[in-house]
């Protein structure tokens, strides 16, 4: 199995940390976020990993080299202008001739990637989207009424949303739907596929998952690294 890690973001919401190093290189325990991701992927049988970079690409390349110290084949591609989530795939399309995993470079999860991959291979969909249910607490009571009279109160109800988790399985035929040298995000690809009546597989996970997009998320990731992630490496 091959994997593409999207590691080109500016990490604006994580400043001032990302003014010095790229977001995927922020430390978690004794490793960086990217190193943790690579360790989790290799444990699930991934041998070829592509890092799609932009911001501070040279920093990432100098640190990881060819990946031999991790026992993998590592390729670092660099976009010279922002290409979104899917655009960077066109830079390495000649090497993506088998179904592959793609994930954001700021995701930590205990998901079994091999199980995800096997599930995707049992279906005809060109795209499998991993989803996660997020529960958002509401700080006020919700009032039900009939005219001027209250008929019920729900105390601080939770909002449940199923979100895209930033992890995907793509089959190589999907690359024909992604334009070259163009900013093209996963949301655009999904809408395009729906318009063309192309099936998209949903893969809802119950595993631990966190998107390290903001300072609060990074603090949480540091706190739970030993509890949820370290014993999976």
Protein backbone atom coordinates (compact mmCIF):
# COMPACT_ATOMS: atom_id res chain seq x y z
CA UNK A 1 0.00 0.00 0.00
CA UNK A 2 1.16 3.50 -0.86
CA UNK A 3 0.29 6.63 1.11
CA UNK A 4 0.32 10.34 0.38
CA UNK A 5 0.62 12.72 3.34
CA UNK A 6 -0.43 16.31 2.65
CA UNK A 7 2.23 18.35 4.42
CA UNK A 8 2.16 21.66 2.55
CA UNK A 9 -0.11 23.78 4.73
CA UNK A 10 0.99 27.11 6.20
CA UNK A 11 -0.29 26.27 9.69
CA UNK A 12 -1.57 29.82 10.15
CA UNK A 13 -3.76 28.95 13.14
CA UNK A 14 -0.76 27.44 14.94
CA UNK A 15 1.41 30.53 14.92
CA UNK A 16 3.86 31.39 16.44
CA UNK A 17 5.06 27.73 16.41
CA UNK A 18 4.74 27.41 12.63
CA UNK A 19 6.78 30.54 11.97
CA UNK A 20 9.82 28.42 12.82
CA UNK A 21 8.92 24.92 11.62
CA UNK A 22 6.13 23.52 9.39
CA UNK A 23 3.03 22.27 11.19
CA UNK A 24 3.58 18.53 10.50
CA UNK A 25 7.01 18.81 12.11
CA UNK A 26 5.71 20.04 15.48
CA UNK A 27 6.87 17.70 18.27
CA UNK A 28 4.72 15.12 20.03
CA UNK A 29 6.65 13.33 22.74
CA UNK A 30 9.99 12.33 21.26
CA UNK A 31 8.70 12.42 17.66
CA UNK A 32 7.22 14.93 15.24
CA UNK A 33 3.61 14.66 14.05
CA UNK A 34 4.86 13.42 10.67
CA UNK A 35 7.08 10.79 12.27
CA UNK A 36 4.14 9.51 14.30
CA UNK A 37 2.03 9.30 11.14
CA UNK A 38 4.80 7.47 9.27
CA UNK A 39 5.21 5.00 12.15
CA UNK A 40 1.47 4.28 12.24
CA UNK A 41 1.36 3.81 8.46
CA UNK A 42 4.38 1.50 8.31
CA UNK A 43 2.91 -0.64 11.07
CA UNK A 44 -0.08 -1.19 8.77
CA UNK A 45 2.14 -2.32 5.90
CA UNK A 46 2.77 0.92 4.01
CA UNK A 47 6.16 0.82 2.26
CA UNK A 48 5.97 3.81 -0.09
CA UNK A 49 5.12 7.24 1.29
CA UNK A 50 4.88 10.52 -0.59
CA UNK A 51 5.07 13.82 1.28
CA UNK A 52 3.27 16.57 -0.64
CA UNK A 53 4.97 19.76 0.53
CA UNK A 54 5.03 23.51 -0.06
CA UNK A 55 5.73 25.65 3.02
CA UNK A 56 9.26 25.00 4.37
CA UNK A 57 9.65 22.03 2.03
CA UNK A 58 13.45 22.10 2.32
CA UNK A 59 13.15 21.74 6.10
CA UNK A 60 11.08 18.58 5.70
CA UNK A 61 13.36 17.15 3.01
CA UNK A 62 16.52 17.75 5.07
CA UNK A 63 14.95 16.00 8.07
CA UNK A 64 13.48 12.91 6.41
CA UNK A 65 15.83 12.29 3.50
CA UNK A 66 14.89 9.23 1.45
CA UNK A 67 13.09 7.53 4.33
CA UNK A 68 15.62 4.73 4.71
CA UNK A 69 15.97 5.35 8.44
CA UNK A 70 12.26 4.52 8.76
CA UNK A 71 12.50 1.45 6.52
CA UNK A 72 10.37 2.97 3.76
CA UNK A 73 10.70 4.50 0.31
CA UNK A 74 10.05 8.20 0.80
CA UNK A 75 9.39 10.68 -2.01
CA UNK A 76 9.04 14.39 -1.32
CA UNK A 77 7.17 16.43 -3.92
CA UNK A 78 6.98 20.21 -3.82
CA UNK A 79 4.24 22.38 -5.23
CA UNK A 80 5.35 25.82 -6.37
CA UNK A 81 1.92 27.30 -5.81
CA UNK A 82 -0.97 26.18 -3.59
CA UNK A 83 -2.79 23.26 -5.25
CA UNK A 84 -5.30 22.37 -2.53
CA UNK A 85 -5.95 18.88 -1.22
CA UNK A 86 -6.04 16.97 -4.51
CA UNK A 87 -3.97 19.14 -6.87
CA UNK A 88 -0.63 17.87 -5.47
CA UNK A 89 -1.54 14.36 -6.63
CA UNK A 90 -1.06 15.43 -10.25
CA UNK A 91 2.64 16.07 -9.53
CA UNK A 92 3.20 12.40 -8.69
CA UNK A 93 0.42 10.81 -10.76
CA UNK A 94 2.87 8.62 -12.69
CA UNK A 95 3.79 6.89 -9.41
CA UNK A 96 0.23 6.38 -8.18
CA UNK A 97 -0.66 3.42 -10.37
CA UNK A 98 -2.26 1.43 -7.53
CA UNK A 99 -4.97 2.35 -5.00
CA UNK A 100 -3.45 4.57 -2.32
CA UNK A 101 -4.21 6.24 0.98
CA UNK A 102 -4.18 10.03 1.32
CA UNK A 103 -4.30 11.88 4.62
CA UNK A 104 -3.80 15.36 6.01
CA UNK A 105 -0.47 15.99 7.72
CA UNK A 106 -2.10 17.18 10.94
CA UNK A 107 -4.23 14.11 11.73
CA UNK A 108 -3.60 11.68 14.57
CA UNK A 109 -5.69 8.54 14.86
CA UNK A 110 -5.60 4.95 16.06
CA UNK A 111 -7.45 3.85 12.92
CA UNK A 112 -6.29 0.56 11.39
CA UNK A 113 -5.29 1.78 7.91
CA UNK A 114 -4.98 -1.75 6.51
CA UNK A 115 -8.57 -2.53 7.51
CA UNK A 116 -9.70 0.70 5.85
CA UNK A 117 -7.78 -0.18 2.69
CA UNK A 118 -9.17 -3.72 2.52
CA UNK A 119 -12.70 -2.40 2.94
CA UNK A 120 -12.19 0.07 0.09
CA UNK A 121 -10.87 -2.70 -2.17
CA UNK A 122 -14.09 -4.68 -1.69
CA UNK A 123 -16.11 -1.86 -3.25
CA UNK A 124 -16.16 -0.35 -6.72
CA UNK A 125 -16.07 3.29 -5.58
CA UNK A 126 -13.04 5.26 -6.78
CA UNK A 127 -13.06 7.29 -3.56
CA UNK A 128 -13.49 6.22 0.06
CA UNK A 129 -13.96 9.03 2.57
CA UNK A 130 -13.28 8.41 6.26
CA UNK A 131 -15.79 10.17 8.50
CA UNK A 132 -16.01 10.79 12.23
CA UNK A 133 -18.93 11.77 14.44
CA UNK A 134 -18.19 14.89 16.46
CA UNK A 135 -20.30 15.85 19.47
CA UNK A 136 -20.45 19.57 20.22
CA UNK A 137 -21.96 20.57 23.58
CA UNK A 138 -24.47 23.43 23.60
CA UNK A 139 -24.31 25.73 26.61
CA UNK A 140 -27.99 26.80 26.69
CA UNK A 141 -31.26 24.97 27.25
CA UNK A 142 -33.39 24.48 24.12
CA UNK A 143 -37.00 25.64 24.58
CA UNK A 144 -39.99 24.05 22.80
CA UNK A 145 -43.20 26.10 22.67
CA UNK A 146 -46.69 26.36 21.32
CA UNK A 147 -47.44 30.03 20.84
CA UNK A 148 -46.88 31.83 24.15
CA UNK A 149 -46.69 28.59 26.19
CA UNK A 150 -43.62 26.47 26.84
CA UNK A 151 -44.23 22.80 26.06
CA UNK A 152 -40.82 21.43 26.92
CA UNK A 153 -37.16 22.13 27.67
CA UNK A 154 -34.12 20.17 26.60
CA UNK A 155 -31.25 21.08 28.91
CA UNK A 156 -28.02 21.84 27.05
CA UNK A 157 -28.49 19.41 24.14
CA UNK A 158 -25.47 18.11 22.25
CA UNK A 159 -25.07 18.70 18.53
CA UNK A 160 -23.89 15.67 16.56
CA UNK A 161 -22.14 16.18 13.24
CA UNK A 162 -20.52 13.63 10.97
CA UNK A 163 -17.43 15.24 9.47
CA UNK A 164 -14.80 14.39 6.88
CA UNK A 165 -11.82 13.11 8.86
CA UNK A 166 -9.08 14.04 6.38
CA UNK A 167 -8.27 10.42 5.42
CA UNK A 168 -9.13 8.84 2.08
CA UNK A 169 -8.54 5.83 -0.16
CA UNK A 170 -8.27 6.73 -3.85
CA UNK A 171 -8.04 4.47 -6.87
CA UNK A 172 -5.77 5.66 -9.69
CA UNK A 173 -8.64 6.11 -12.18
CA UNK A 174 -9.81 9.06 -10.07
CA UNK A 175 -6.80 11.11 -11.16
CA UNK A 176 -8.44 11.76 -14.53
CA UNK A 177 -10.98 13.92 -12.72
CA UNK A 178 -8.30 16.16 -11.14
CA UNK A 179 -6.98 18.99 -13.37
CA UNK A 180 -3.25 19.65 -13.49
CA UNK A 181 -1.61 22.84 -12.26
CA UNK A 182 -4.89 23.92 -10.65
CA UNK A 183 -6.01 24.49 -7.07
CA UNK A 184 -8.38 21.58 -6.51
CA UNK A 185 -9.68 20.53 -3.11
CA UNK A 186 -11.26 17.30 -1.92
CA UNK A 187 -14.59 19.10 -1.47
CA UNK A 188 -14.53 20.07 -5.15
CA UNK A 189 -13.71 16.49 -6.14
CA UNK A 190 -16.57 15.11 -4.06
CA UNK A 191 -19.06 17.57 -5.57
CA UNK A 192 -17.81 16.76 -9.06
CA UNK A 193 -18.19 13.02 -8.50
CA UNK A 194 -21.71 13.48 -7.13
CA UNK A 195 -22.64 15.54 -10.21
CA UNK A 196 -21.33 12.73 -12.42
CA UNK A 197 -23.16 10.06 -10.37
CA UNK A 198 -19.91 8.39 -9.37
CA UNK A 199 -20.19 6.41 -6.10
CA UNK A 200 -18.31 7.60 -3.01
CA UNK A 201 -17.84 5.16 -0.15
CA UNK A 202 -18.33 6.37 3.44
CA UNK A 203 -16.20 4.80 6.19
CA UNK A 204 -17.33 5.92 9.66
CA UNK A 205 -14.73 5.36 12.37
CA UNK A 206 -15.08 5.02 16.14
CA UNK A 207 -11.31 5.15 16.70
CA UNK A 208 -9.52 7.96 18.49
CA UNK A 209 -9.02 10.89 16.10
CA UNK A 210 -7.86 14.48 16.36
CA UNK A 211 -7.21 17.23 13.83
CA UNK A 212 -4.34 19.39 15.09
CA UNK A 213 -5.47 22.61 13.47
CA UNK A 214 -5.46 25.09 16.35
CA UNK A 215 -3.37 25.82 19.42
CA UNK A 216 -5.94 24.16 21.67
CA UNK A 217 -5.86 21.02 19.52
CA UNK A 218 -2.07 20.89 19.71
CA UNK A 219 -2.18 21.17 23.49
CA UNK A 220 -4.72 18.34 23.62
CA UNK A 221 -2.64 16.20 21.25
CA UNK A 222 0.39 16.58 23.50
CA UNK A 223 -1.65 15.57 26.54
CA UNK A 224 -3.19 12.47 24.98
CA UNK A 225 -0.20 11.30 22.94
CA UNK A 226 0.96 8.83 25.57
CA UNK A 227 -2.58 7.66 26.37
CA UNK A 228 -3.93 7.04 22.86
CA UNK A 229 -1.09 6.99 20.33
CA UNK A 230 2.26 5.90 21.78
CA UNK A 231 1.25 2.30 22.46
CA UNK A 232 0.13 1.94 18.82
CA UNK A 233 3.58 2.74 17.42
